[in-house]
C-alpha atoms as a PDB file:
ATOM      1  CA  MET A   1       6.602  -0.035 -44.406  1.00  0.00           C
ATOM      2  CA  CYS A   2       4.883   3.334 -43.848  1.00  0.00           C
ATOM      3  CA  CYS A   3       1.201   3.879 -43.000  1.00  0.00           C
ATOM      4  CA  ILE A   4      -0.201   7.456 -42.951  1.00  0.00           C
ATOM      5  CA  ASN A   5      -3.480   8.723 -41.463  1.00  0.00           C
ATOM      6  CA  LEU A   6      -3.993  12.263 -42.822  1.00  0.00           C
ATOM      7  CA  LYS A   7      -7.182  12.813 -40.824  1.00  0.00           C
ATOM      8  CA  GLN A   8      -5.446  12.258 -37.480  1.00  0.00           C
ATOM      9  CA  ARG A   9      -2.104  13.682 -38.756  1.00  0.00           C
ATOM     10  CA  THR A  10      -0.283  10.522 -37.665  1.00  0.00           C
ATOM     11  CA  ALA A  11       1.925   7.929 -39.341  1.00  0.00           C
ATOM     12  CA  PHE A  12       3.469   4.578 -38.448  1.00  0.00           C
ATOM     13  CA  VAL A  13       6.843   3.566 -39.860  1.00  0.00           C
ATOM     14  CA  HIS A  14       8.047  -0.048 -39.700  1.00  0.00           C
ATOM     15  CA  PHE A  15      11.812  -0.560 -39.979  1.00  0.00           C
ATOM     16  CA  SER A  16      13.436  -3.863 -40.827  1.00  0.00           C
ATOM     17  CA  LYS A  17      15.757  -3.641 -37.789  1.00  0.00           C
ATOM     18  CA  PRO A  18      15.357  -2.117 -34.288  1.00  0.00           C
ATOM     19  CA  GLU A  19      18.723  -0.359 -34.704  1.00  0.00           C
ATOM     20  CA  GLU A  20      17.378   1.590 -37.671  1.00  0.00           C
ATOM     21  CA  ALA A  21      14.335   2.752 -35.690  1.00  0.00           C
ATOM     22  CA  LYS A  22      16.580   3.840 -32.803  1.00  0.00           C
ATOM     23  CA  ALA A  23      18.849   5.789 -35.178  1.00  0.00           C
ATOM     24  CA  CYS A  24      15.815   7.558 -36.674  1.00  0.00           C
ATOM     25  CA  LEU A  25      14.586   8.611 -33.227  1.00  0.00           C
ATOM     26  CA  GLU A  26      18.016   9.934 -32.259  1.00  0.00           C
ATOM     27  CA  ALA A  27      18.203  11.946 -35.485  1.00  0.00           C
ATOM     28  CA  ALA A  28      14.779  13.478 -34.759  1.00  0.00           C
ATOM     29  CA  GLU A  29      15.616  14.472 -31.164  1.00  0.00           C
ATOM     30  CA  ASN A  30      16.563  18.040 -32.138  1.00  0.00           C
ATOM     31  CA  GLY A  31      13.306  18.530 -34.033  1.00  0.00           C
ATOM     32  CA  LEU A  32      11.804  17.325 -37.290  1.00  0.00           C
ATOM     33  CA  GLN A  33       9.738  19.343 -39.753  1.00  0.00           C
ATOM     34  CA  ILE A  34       7.598  18.226 -42.689  1.00  0.00           C
ATOM     35  CA  ASP A  35       6.070  20.959 -44.886  1.00  0.00           C
ATOM     36  CA  GLY A  36       6.818  23.513 -42.169  1.00  0.00           C
ATOM     37  CA  ARG A  37       5.025  21.536 -39.462  1.00  0.00           C
ATOM     38  CA  ASP A  38       6.800  20.197 -36.354  1.00  0.00           C
ATOM     39  CA  VAL A  39       6.627  16.399 -36.128  1.00  0.00           C
ATOM     40  CA  VAL A  40       7.130  14.327 -32.973  1.00  0.00           C
ATOM     41  CA  GLY A  41       8.284  10.697 -33.109  1.00  0.00           C
ATOM     42  CA  SER A  42       8.169   7.913 -30.528  1.00  0.00           C
ATOM     43  CA  LEU A  43       8.274   4.140 -30.267  1.00  0.00           C
ATOM     44  CA  ALA A  44       4.893   2.586 -31.046  1.00  0.00           C
ATOM     45  CA  MET A  45       3.133   0.331 -28.538  1.00  0.00           C
ATOM     46  CA  GLN A  46       1.072  -2.829 -28.771  1.00  0.00           C
ATOM     47  CA  ARG A  47      -2.550  -2.233 -29.793  1.00  0.00           C
ATOM     48  CA  GLU A  48      -3.749  -3.961 -26.609  1.00  0.00           C
ATOM     49  CA  ASN A  49      -1.719  -1.554 -24.453  1.00  0.00           C
ATOM     50  CA  ALA A  50      -2.945   1.486 -26.388  1.00  0.00           C
ATOM     51  CA  THR A  51      -6.561   0.320 -26.009  1.00  0.00           C
ATOM     52  CA  SER A  52      -6.081  -0.226 -22.280  1.00  0.00           C
ATOM     53  CA  ILE A  53      -4.660   3.287 -21.815  1.00  0.00           C
ATOM     54  CA  GLN A  54      -7.508   4.819 -23.808  1.00  0.00           C
ATOM     55  CA  LYS A  55     -10.072   2.944 -21.692  1.00  0.00           C
ATOM     56  CA  ARG A  56      -8.521   4.341 -18.502  1.00  0.00           C
ATOM     57  CA  LYS A  57      -8.628   7.863 -19.964  1.00  0.00           C
ATOM     58  CA  ASN A  58     -12.293   7.482 -20.925  1.00  0.00           C
ATOM     59  CA  LEU A  59     -13.278   5.984 -17.565  1.00  0.00           C
ATOM     60  CA  LYS A  60     -15.969   8.093 -15.940  1.00  0.00           C
ATOM     61  CA  VAL A  61     -14.949   9.043 -12.417  1.00  0.00           C
ATOM     62  CA  PRO A  62     -17.848   8.491  -9.997  1.00  0.00           C
ATOM     63  CA  GLU A  63     -19.057  11.415  -7.917  1.00  0.00           C
ATOM     64  CA  ASP A  64     -17.565  11.291  -4.432  1.00  0.00           C
ATOM     65  CA  LYS A  65     -18.730  14.298  -2.428  1.00  0.00           C
ATOM     66  CA  ARG A  66     -17.529  12.795   0.870  1.00  0.00           C
ATOM     67  CA  ASN A  67     -14.086  11.774  -0.492  1.00  0.00           C
ATOM     68  CA  LEU A  68     -14.732   8.163   0.565  1.00  0.00           C
ATOM     69  CA  ARG A  69     -12.161   6.736  -1.838  1.00  0.00           C
ATOM     70  CA  LEU A  70      -9.333   8.482   0.023  1.00  0.00           C
ATOM     71  CA  VAL A  71      -9.600   5.741   2.660  1.00  0.00           C
ATOM     72  CA  ARG A  72      -7.892   3.406   0.180  1.00  0.00           C
ATOM     73  CA  PHE A  73      -4.541   5.207   0.382  1.00  0.00           C
ATOM     74  CA  SER A  74      -4.008   4.171   4.009  1.00  0.00           C
ATOM     75  CA  LEU A  75      -5.667   0.734   3.969  1.00  0.00           C
ATOM     76  CA  ILE A  76      -3.159  -2.126   4.355  1.00  0.00           C
ATOM     77  CA  ARG A  77      -4.531  -5.614   4.966  1.00  0.00           C
ATOM     78  CA  GLU A  78      -2.624  -8.472   6.528  1.00  0.00           C
ATOM     79  CA  GLY A  79      -1.649 -11.015   3.879  1.00  0.00           C
ATOM     80  CA  THR A  80      -0.839  -8.413   1.207  1.00  0.00           C
ATOM     81  CA  SER A  81       2.660  -7.515  -0.004  1.00  0.00           C
ATOM     82  CA  ALA A  82       2.351  -4.062   1.604  1.00  0.00           C
ATOM     83  CA  ALA A  83       1.982  -5.759   5.012  1.00  0.00           C
ATOM     84  CA  ASN A  84       5.299  -7.650   4.803  1.00  0.00           C
ATOM     85  CA  GLY A  85       7.125  -7.464   8.129  1.00  0.00           C
ATOM     86  CA  MET A  86       4.165  -5.872   9.912  1.00  0.00           C
ATOM     87  CA  SER A  87       3.676  -7.016  13.510  1.00  0.00           C
ATOM     88  CA  SER A  88       0.494  -8.894  14.429  1.00  0.00           C
ATOM     89  CA  GLU A  89      -0.362  -6.117  16.898  1.00  0.00           C
ATOM     90  CA  ASP A  90      -0.209  -3.483  14.134  1.00  0.00           C
ATOM     91  CA  ALA A  91      -2.287  -5.706  11.828  1.00  0.00           C
ATOM     92  CA  ARG A  92      -5.024  -6.069  14.471  1.00  0.00           C
ATOM     93  CA  LYS A  93      -4.966  -2.342  15.188  1.00  0.00           C
ATOM     94  CA  ARG A  94      -5.284  -1.508  11.487  1.00  0.00           C
ATOM     95  CA  GLN A  95      -8.286  -3.821  11.215  1.00  0.00           C
ATOM     96  CA  ARG A  96      -9.949  -2.176  14.246  1.00  0.00           C
ATOM     97  CA  LEU A  97      -9.351   1.304  12.807  1.00  0.00           C
ATOM     98  CA  ALA A  98     -10.726   0.294   9.391  1.00  0.00           C
ATOM     99  CA  GLU A  99     -13.868  -1.179  10.982  1.00  0.00           C
ATOM    100  CA  SER A 100     -14.271   1.981  13.068  1.00  0.00           C
ATOM    101  CA  SER A 101     -13.957   4.130   9.916  1.00  0.00           C
ATOM    102  CA  ARG A 102     -16.614   2.052   8.175  1.00  0.00           C
ATOM    103  CA  ARG A 103     -19.049   2.557  11.076  1.00  0.00           C
ATOM    104  CA  LYS A 104     -18.395   6.314  11.193  1.00  0.00           C
ATOM    105  CA  LEU A 105     -18.887   6.747   7.449  1.00  0.00           C
ATOM    106  CA  GLU A 106     -22.339   5.145   7.647  1.00  0.00           C
ATOM    107  CA  ASN A 107     -23.370   8.556   9.000  1.00  0.00           C
ATOM    108  CA  LEU A 108     -23.937  10.774   5.947  1.00  0.00           C
ATOM    109  CA  HIS A 109     -22.711  13.833   7.867  1.00  0.00           C
ATOM    110  CA  MET A 110     -19.250  12.278   8.169  1.00  0.00           C
ATOM    111  CA  PHE A 111     -16.694  12.881   5.423  1.00  0.00           C
ATOM    112  CA  ILE A 112     -12.987  12.273   4.849  1.00  0.00           C
ATOM    113  CA  SER A 113     -10.856  15.386   5.069  1.00  0.00           C
ATOM    114  CA  PRO A 114      -8.522  15.692   2.057  1.00  0.00           C
ATOM    115  CA  THR A 115      -5.940  17.761   3.960  1.00  0.00           C
ATOM    116  CA  ARG A 116      -6.058  16.490   7.563  1.00  0.00           C
ATOM    117  CA  LEU A 117      -4.157  13.364   8.596  1.00  0.00           C
ATOM    118  CA  MET A 118      -4.483  11.230  11.699  1.00  0.00           C
ATOM    119  CA  VAL A 119      -1.240   9.587  12.849  1.00  0.00           C
ATOM    120  CA  HIS A 120      -1.378   6.578  15.211  1.00  0.00           C
ATOM    121  CA  ASN A 121       1.251   4.583  17.152  1.00  0.00           C
ATOM    122  CA  LEU A 122       3.135   7.665  18.358  1.00  0.00           C
ATOM    123  CA  PRO A 123       5.870   6.981  20.939  1.00  0.00           C
ATOM    124  CA  SER A 124       5.139   8.465  24.384  1.00  0.00           C
ATOM    125  CA  SER A 125       8.184  10.739  24.026  1.00  0.00           C
ATOM    126  CA  MET A 126       6.985  12.290  20.736  1.00  0.00           C
ATOM    127  CA  THR A 127       6.397  16.056  20.805  1.00  0.00           C
ATOM    128  CA  ASP A 128       4.365  18.328  18.539  1.00  0.00           C
ATOM    129  CA  GLY A 129       7.546  19.945  17.224  1.00  0.00           C
ATOM    130  CA  LYS A 130       9.285  16.659  16.437  1.00  0.00           C
ATOM    131  CA  LEU A 131       6.202  15.260  14.677  1.00  0.00           C
ATOM    132  CA  ARG A 132       5.925  18.453  12.609  1.00  0.00           C
ATOM    133  CA  GLU A 133       9.556  18.010  11.485  1.00  0.00           C
ATOM    134  CA  ILE A 134       8.925  14.379  10.475  1.00  0.00           C
ATOM    135  CA  CYS A 135       5.799  15.287   8.490  1.00  0.00           C
ATOM    136  CA  LEU A 136       7.446  18.242   6.735  1.00  0.00           C
ATOM    137  CA  GLU A 137      10.395  16.080   5.720  1.00  0.00           C
ATOM    138  CA  ALA A 138       8.001  13.473   4.299  1.00  0.00           C
ATOM    139  CA  ALA A 139       5.774  15.984   2.477  1.00  0.00           C
ATOM    140  CA  GLY A 140       8.589  18.085   1.001  1.00  0.00           C
ATOM    141  CA  LYS A 141      10.211  21.426   1.819  1.00  0.00           C
ATOM    142  CA  PHE A 142       7.460  23.442   0.102  1.00  0.00           C
ATOM    143  CA  ALA A 143       4.653  21.881   2.164  1.00  0.00           C
ATOM    144  CA  HIS A 144       2.771  24.041   4.665  1.00  0.00           C
ATOM    145  CA  ILE A 145       1.346  22.577   7.888  1.00  0.00           C
ATOM    146  CA  THR A 146      -1.469  24.551   9.516  1.00  0.00           C
ATOM    147  CA  GLU A 147      -1.975  22.214  12.483  1.00  0.00           C
ATOM    148  CA  CYS A 148       0.111  19.564  14.237  1.00  0.00           C
ATOM    149  CA  ARG A 149      -1.229  18.484  17.595  1.00  0.00           C
ATOM    150  CA  ILE A 150      -0.799  15.370  19.708  1.00  0.00           C
ATOM    151  CA  TRP A 151      -3.940  14.458  21.668  1.00  0.00           C
ATOM    152  CA  LYS A 152      -3.347  14.321  25.445  1.00  0.00           C
ATOM    153  CA  ASP A 153      -5.168  12.557  28.294  1.00  0.00           C
ATOM    154  CA  THR A 154      -5.547  15.147  31.069  1.00  0.00           C
ATOM    155  CA  SER A 155      -6.625  12.450  33.541  1.00  0.00           C
ATOM    156  CA  LYS A 156      -3.200  10.788  33.288  1.00  0.00           C
ATOM    157  CA  LEU A 157      -0.137  12.820  34.244  1.00  0.00           C
ATOM    158  CA  ASP A 158       3.553  11.944  34.006  1.00  0.00           C
ATOM    159  CA  SER A 159       6.188  12.526  36.715  1.00  0.00           C
ATOM    160  CA  LYS A 160       6.477  16.196  35.659  1.00  0.00           C
ATOM    161  CA  GLY A 161       2.741  16.790  35.898  1.00  0.00           C
ATOM    162  CA  ASN A 162       2.186  16.916  32.131  1.00  0.00           C
ATOM    163  CA  ALA A 163      -0.752  15.175  30.454  1.00  0.00           C
ATOM    164  CA  ARG A 164       0.202  11.881  28.826  1.00  0.00           C
ATOM    165  CA  SER A 165      -0.063  11.326  25.080  1.00  0.00           C
ATOM    166  CA  LYS A 166      -3.002   9.279  23.779  1.00  0.00           C
ATOM    167  CA  GLY A 167      -0.722   7.885  21.065  1.00  0.00           C
ATOM    168  CA  TYR A 168      -2.237   9.719  18.107  1.00  0.00           C
ATOM    169  CA  ALA A 169      -2.139  13.170  16.533  1.00  0.00           C
ATOM    170  CA  PHE A 170      -3.774  15.310  13.845  1.00  0.00           C
ATOM    171  CA  VAL A 171      -1.708  17.005  11.153  1.00  0.00           C
ATOM    172  CA  ASN A 172      -3.379  19.403   8.724  1.00  0.00           C
ATOM    173  CA  PHE A 173      -1.802  20.604   5.467  1.00  0.00           C
ATOM    174  CA  SER A 174      -2.837  23.547   3.317  1.00  0.00           C
ATOM    175  CA  GLU A 175      -2.832  21.325   0.202  1.00  0.00           C
ATOM    176  CA  HIS A 176      -4.111  17.806  -0.422  1.00  0.00           C
ATOM    177  CA  SER A 177      -1.105  16.777  -2.529  1.00  0.00           C
ATOM    178  CA  ASP A 178       1.239  17.454   0.419  1.00  0.00           C
ATOM    179  CA  ALA A 179      -0.979  15.496   2.810  1.00  0.00           C
ATOM    180  CA  LEU A 180      -1.092  12.572   0.373  1.00  0.00           C
ATOM    181  CA  GLN A 181       2.693  12.535  -0.056  1.00  0.00           C
ATOM    182  CA  CYS A 182       3.186  12.626   3.719  1.00  0.00           C
ATOM    183  CA  LEU A 183       0.779   9.694   4.147  1.00  0.00           C
ATOM    184  CA  GLN A 184       2.481   7.616   1.462  1.00  0.00           C
ATOM    185  CA  LYS A 185       5.965   8.243   2.907  1.00  0.00           C
ATOM    186  CA  LEU A 186       5.109   7.599   6.573  1.00  0.00           C
ATOM    187  CA  ASN A 187       2.331   4.994   6.538  1.00  0.00           C
ATOM    188  CA  ASN A 188       3.717   1.598   7.668  1.00  0.00           C
ATOM    189  CA  ASN A 189       7.301   2.886   7.360  1.00  0.00           C
ATOM    190  CA  PRO A 190       9.503   0.689   9.621  1.00  0.00           C
ATOM    191  CA  HIS A 191      12.235   3.354   9.857  1.00  0.00           C
ATOM    192  CA  ILE A 192      10.199   6.186  11.428  1.00  0.00           C
ATOM    193  CA  PHE A 193       9.376   4.890  14.947  1.00  0.00           C
ATOM    194  CA  THR A 194      10.142   1.180  15.410  1.00  0.00           C
ATOM    195  CA  ASN A 195       9.645  -1.886  13.227  1.00  0.00           C
ATOM    196  CA  GLU A 196       7.169  -3.383  15.728  1.00  0.00           C
ATOM    197  CA  ARG A 197       5.103  -0.188  16.047  1.00  0.00           C
ATOM    198  CA  ARG A 198       5.037   1.503  12.664  1.00  0.00           C
ATOM    199  CA  PRO A 199       3.157   4.735  11.895  1.00  0.00           C
ATOM    200  CA  ILE A 200      -0.487   4.197  10.939  1.00  0.00           C
ATOM    201  CA  VAL A 201      -1.437   7.262   8.903  1.00  0.00           C
ATOM    202  CA  GLU A 202      -4.887   7.897   7.449  1.00  0.00           C
ATOM    203  CA  PHE A 203      -7.001  10.787   6.223  1.00  0.00           C
ATOM    204  CA  ALA A 204      -9.045  12.025   9.180  1.00  0.00           C
ATOM    205  CA  ILE A 205     -12.815  11.542   9.291  1.00  0.00           C
ATOM    206  CA  GLU A 206     -14.694  14.707  10.241  1.00  0.00           C
ATOM    207  CA  ASN A 207     -18.284  15.678  11.012  1.00  0.00           C
ATOM    208  CA  LEU A 208     -19.606  18.232   8.536  1.00  0.00           C
ATOM    209  CA  LEU A 209     -22.104  19.681  11.032  1.00  0.00           C
ATOM    210  CA  ALA A 210     -19.412  20.111  13.699  1.00  0.00           C
ATOM    211  CA  ILE A 211     -17.047  21.747  11.193  1.00  0.00           C
ATOM    212  CA  ARG A 212     -19.729  24.178  10.027  1.00  0.00           C
ATOM    213  CA  ALA A 213     -20.598  25.087  13.627  1.00  0.00           C
ATOM    214  CA  LYS A 214     -16.919  25.683  14.423  1.00  0.00           C
ATOM    215  CA  VAL A 215     -16.433  27.877  11.340  1.00  0.00           C
ATOM    216  CA  ARG A 216     -19.557  29.897  12.145  1.00  0.00           C
ATOM    217  CA  ARG A 217     -18.399  30.458  15.756  1.00  0.00           C
ATOM    218  CA  SER A 218     -14.999  31.597  14.526  1.00  0.00           C
ATOM    219  CA  ALA A 219     -16.563  33.879  11.914  1.00  0.00           C
ATOM    220  CA  HIS A 220     -19.047  35.303  14.430  1.00  0.00           C
ATOM    221  CA  SER A 221     -16.223  36.209  16.839  1.00  0.00           C
ATOM    222  CA  LYS A 222     -14.566  38.140  13.992  1.00  0.00           C
ATOM    223  CA  GLY A 223     -17.798  39.810  12.920  1.00  0.00           C
ATOM    224  CA  GLU A 224     -17.937  37.833   9.650  1.00  0.00           C
ATOM    225  CA  THR A 225     -20.737  35.762   8.095  1.00  0.00           C
ATOM    226  CA  LEU A 226     -20.107  32.394   6.442  1.00  0.00           C
ATOM    227  CA  THR A 227     -22.592  29.940   4.928  1.00  0.00           C
ATOM    228  CA  GLY A 228     -20.374  26.843   5.021  1.00  0.00           C
ATOM    229  CA  ARG A 229     -16.948  25.262   4.736  1.00  0.00           C
ATOM    230  CA  GLU A 230     -15.355  25.486   1.285  1.00  0.00           C
ATOM    231  CA  LEU A 231     -12.055  24.174  -0.026  1.00  0.00           C
ATOM    232  CA  SER A 232      -9.916  26.128  -2.441  1.00  0.00           C
ATOM    233  CA  ASP A 233     -10.212  25.256  -6.133  1.00  0.00           C
ATOM    234  CA  LYS A 234      -6.620  23.986  -6.094  1.00  0.00           C
ATOM    235  CA  VAL A 235      -7.337  21.486  -3.315  1.00  0.00           C
ATOM    236  CA  LYS A 236     -10.539  20.349  -5.049  1.00  0.00           C
ATOM    237  CA  ILE A 237      -8.597  19.554  -8.236  1.00  0.00           C
ATOM    238  CA  GLN A 238      -5.960  17.617  -6.260  1.00  0.00           C
ATOM    239  CA  VAL A 239      -8.661  15.595  -4.483  1.00  0.00           C
ATOM    240  CA  LYS A 240     -10.330  14.821  -7.817  1.00  0.00           C
ATOM    241  CA  HIS A 241      -7.042  13.436  -9.187  1.00  0.00           C
ATOM    242  CA  SER A 242      -6.615  11.204  -6.116  1.00  0.00           C
ATOM    243  CA  ILE A 243     -10.176   9.890  -6.431  1.00  0.00           C
ATOM    244  CA  GLU A 244      -9.552   9.229 -10.147  1.00  0.00           C
ATOM    245  CA  GLU A 245      -6.439   7.219  -9.229  1.00  0.00           C
ATOM    246  CA  VAL A 246      -8.422   4.961  -6.889  1.00  0.00           C
ATOM    247  CA  SER A 247     -11.358   4.685  -9.296  1.00  0.00           C
ATOM    248  CA  LYS A 248      -9.196   3.754 -12.305  1.00  0.00           C
ATOM    249  CA  SER A 249      -7.489   1.012 -10.308  1.00  0.00           C
ATOM    250  CA  GLY A 250     -10.900  -0.691 -10.045  1.00  0.00           C
ATOM    251  CA  MET A 251     -10.867  -0.789  -6.234  1.00  0.00           C
ATOM    252  CA  LYS A 252     -14.037  -0.405  -4.169  1.00  0.00           C
ATOM    253  CA  VAL A 253     -14.343   2.315  -1.528  1.00  0.00           C
ATOM    254  CA  MET A 254     -13.704  -0.313   1.149  1.00  0.00           C
ATOM    255  CA  PRO A 255     -13.559  -4.118   0.884  1.00  0.00           C
ATOM    256  CA  LYS A 256     -16.378  -6.132   2.480  1.00  0.00           C
ATOM    257  CA  PHE A 257     -13.908  -8.153   4.530  1.00  0.00           C
ATOM    258  CA  LEU A 258     -11.235  -6.194   6.424  1.00  0.00           C
ATOM    259  CA  GLY A 259      -9.349  -9.113   7.972  1.00  0.00           C
ATOM    260  CA  ARG A 260      -6.382 -11.036   6.625  1.00  0.00           C
ATOM    261  CA  LYS A 261      -6.357 -11.313   2.832  1.00  0.00           C
ATOM    262  CA  LEU A 262      -6.080 -14.944   1.725  1.00  0.00           C
ATOM    263  CA  ARG A 263      -4.251 -15.625  -1.525  1.00  0.00           C
ATOM    264  CA  HIS A 264      -5.067 -18.798  -3.490  1.00  0.00           C
ATOM    265  CA  LYS A 265      -1.549 -20.125  -3.070  1.00  0.00           C
ATOM    266  CA  ASN A 266      -1.806 -19.755   0.724  1.00  0.00           C
ATOM    267  CA  MET A 267      -5.320 -21.200   1.087  1.00  0.00           C
ATOM    268  CA  SER A 268      -6.165 -24.695   2.271  1.00  0.00           C
ATOM    269  CA  LYS A 269      -8.257 -27.059   0.141  1.00  0.00           C
ATOM    270  CA  THR A 270     -11.309 -26.454   2.350  1.00  0.00           C
ATOM    271  CA  GLN A 271     -10.981 -22.673   1.997  1.00  0.00           C
ATOM    272  CA  LEU A 272     -10.580 -22.966  -1.760  1.00  0.00           C
ATOM    273  CA  LYS A 273     -13.719 -25.137  -2.006  1.00  0.00           C
ATOM    274  CA  LYS A 274     -15.750 -22.527  -0.120  1.00  0.00           C
ATOM    275  CA  LYS A 275     -14.381 -19.707  -2.278  1.00  0.00           C
ATOM    276  CA  ARG A 276     -15.144 -21.525  -5.524  1.00  0.00           C
ATOM    277  CA  LYS A 277     -18.567 -22.807  -4.491  1.00  0.00           C
ATOM    278  CA  GLY A 278     -20.315 -19.519  -5.235  1.00  0.00           C
ATOM    279  CA  SER A 279     -18.798 -19.158  -8.705  1.00  0.00           C
ATOM    280  CA  GLN A 280     -18.938 -22.830  -9.746  1.00  0.00           C
ATOM    281  CA  SER A 281     -21.475 -22.293 -12.522  1.00  0.00           C
ATOM    282  CA  SER A 282     -19.462 -19.511 -14.154  1.00  0.00           C
ATOM    283  CA  SER A 283     -16.151 -21.326 -13.862  1.00  0.00           C
ATOM    284  CA  THR A 284     -17.150 -24.627 -15.543  1.00  0.00           C
ATOM    285  CA  ASN A 285     -15.351 -23.762 -18.746  1.00  0.00           C
ATOM    286  CA  SER A 286     -12.705 -21.538 -17.167  1.00  0.00           C
ATOM    287  CA  THR A 287      -9.870 -23.966 -17.924  1.00  0.00           C
ATOM    288  CA  LYS A 288     -10.208 -23.292 -21.665  1.00  0.00           C
ATOM    289  CA  LYS A 289     -11.404 -19.953 -22.944  1.00  0.00           C
ATOM    290  CA  PHE A 290     -12.031 -19.507 -26.603  1.00  0.00           C
ATOM    291  CA  LYS A 291     -12.613 -16.397 -28.574  1.00  0.00           C
ATOM    292  CA  LYS A 292     -14.331 -16.261 -31.970  1.00  0.00           C
ATOM    293  CA  GLU A 293     -12.268 -14.502 -34.568  1.00  0.00           C
ATOM    294  CA  ASP A 294     -12.661 -14.596 -38.380  1.00  0.00           C
ATOM    295  CA  GLY A 295     -14.966 -17.628 -38.176  1.00  0.00           C
ATOM    296  CA  THR A 296     -12.415 -19.733 -36.261  1.00  0.00           C
ATOM    297  CA  ALA A 297     -11.882 -20.377 -32.575  1.00  0.00           C
ATOM    298  CA  ARG A 298      -8.542 -19.888 -30.933  1.00  0.00           C
ATOM    299  CA  ASN A 299      -7.328 -20.472 -27.405  1.00  0.00           C
ATOM    300  CA  VAL A 300      -6.998 -17.115 -25.630  1.00  0.00           C
ATOM    301  CA  GLY A 301      -4.733 -18.647 -22.999  1.00  0.00           C
ATOM    302  CA  ALA A 302      -2.183 -19.656 -25.620  1.00  0.00           C
ATOM    303  CA  LYS A 303       0.961 -17.578 -25.891  1.00  0.00           C
ATOM    304  CA  LYS A 304       0.644 -14.887 -28.529  1.00  0.00           C
ATOM    305  CA  ASN A 305       3.292 -14.102 -31.071  1.00  0.00           C
ATOM    306  CA  LYS A 306       3.874 -10.464 -30.222  1.00  0.00           C
ATOM    307  CA  LYS A 307       5.389  -8.062 -32.698  1.00  0.00           C
ATOM    308  CA  LEU A 308       8.817  -6.702 -31.995  1.00  0.00           C
ATOM    309  CA  MET A 309       7.666  -3.153 -31.232  1.00  0.00           C
ATOM    310  CA  THR A 310      11.206  -1.761 -31.171  1.00  0.00           C
ATOM    311  CA  LYS A 311      11.015  -1.720 -34.979  1.00  0.00           C
ATOM    312  CA  TYR A 312       7.869   0.473 -35.093  1.00  0.00           C
ATOM    313  CA  LEU A 313       7.826   4.272 -34.808  1.00  0.00           C
ATOM    314  CA  ALA A 314       4.793   6.541 -34.475  1.00  0.00           C
ATOM    315  CA  PHE A 315       4.874  10.130 -35.752  1.00  0.00           C
ATOM    316  CA  SER A 316       2.319  12.876 -35.103  1.00  0.00           C
ATOM    317  CA  SER A 317       2.068  16.614 -35.649  1.00  0.00           C
END
């Protein structure tokens, strides 16, 4: 069977056997021309999947001038699969940090830096140089770090008279994509420090007024004049892509409850009753959902007879 759409310059070809469709694709690997026009072929997909992809493409990304959605890349809640093996001490610390971030971001002058990371749980023996090496290895050999500094407590000195580490550091990259890759590689990684005290990495929260004042002081000392802090166009595009990723996943900026996440299978009967109490009216008929189609009702929960898509090819020019 062959179905052609001249307006969209596409066609769908249905073979009787998957092997025939595979052979056709292999034959077209080196290029296929019809009436002098290059044609590209690929396996077709289910209509539901195609619709879902198109919806994600058409999803309008909300404006996020303070980059609030970047907080999602570091957030790991106890009870989720990402928290497997995490110590209870780390889980409590993550919850405290998340609650602290929420309070800070209530101030409209606070924003999330797209290039600056804050790394917690540093061993007391960690040095600026060693941390820089770890971050560069995680971000990739082409990454560029503009700042890597461990915060010290000058009121507490070690046996050599040096200020003791406060256990956290700031690492700033020239590009957002490098900072994001570093965060994803190091955050909650049990092989970096120790399994009990894993790295807690998050995008740093900064004060816009303080940043502007700092930039103006620096510019004034150099005899320059600046009106504000601006990111390069490249970094802005990278940040937009990250925000799109969070937005398309359907996640909120930050969940209302930051404690342990309770799954239905792990909840007690009392907890389940409380959870379902609020949505009791909407869940009365949830056991059987029916959808009207062609004047008849069918059970949506029933198993569908899916087409064998390995027999369908899609061609476009």
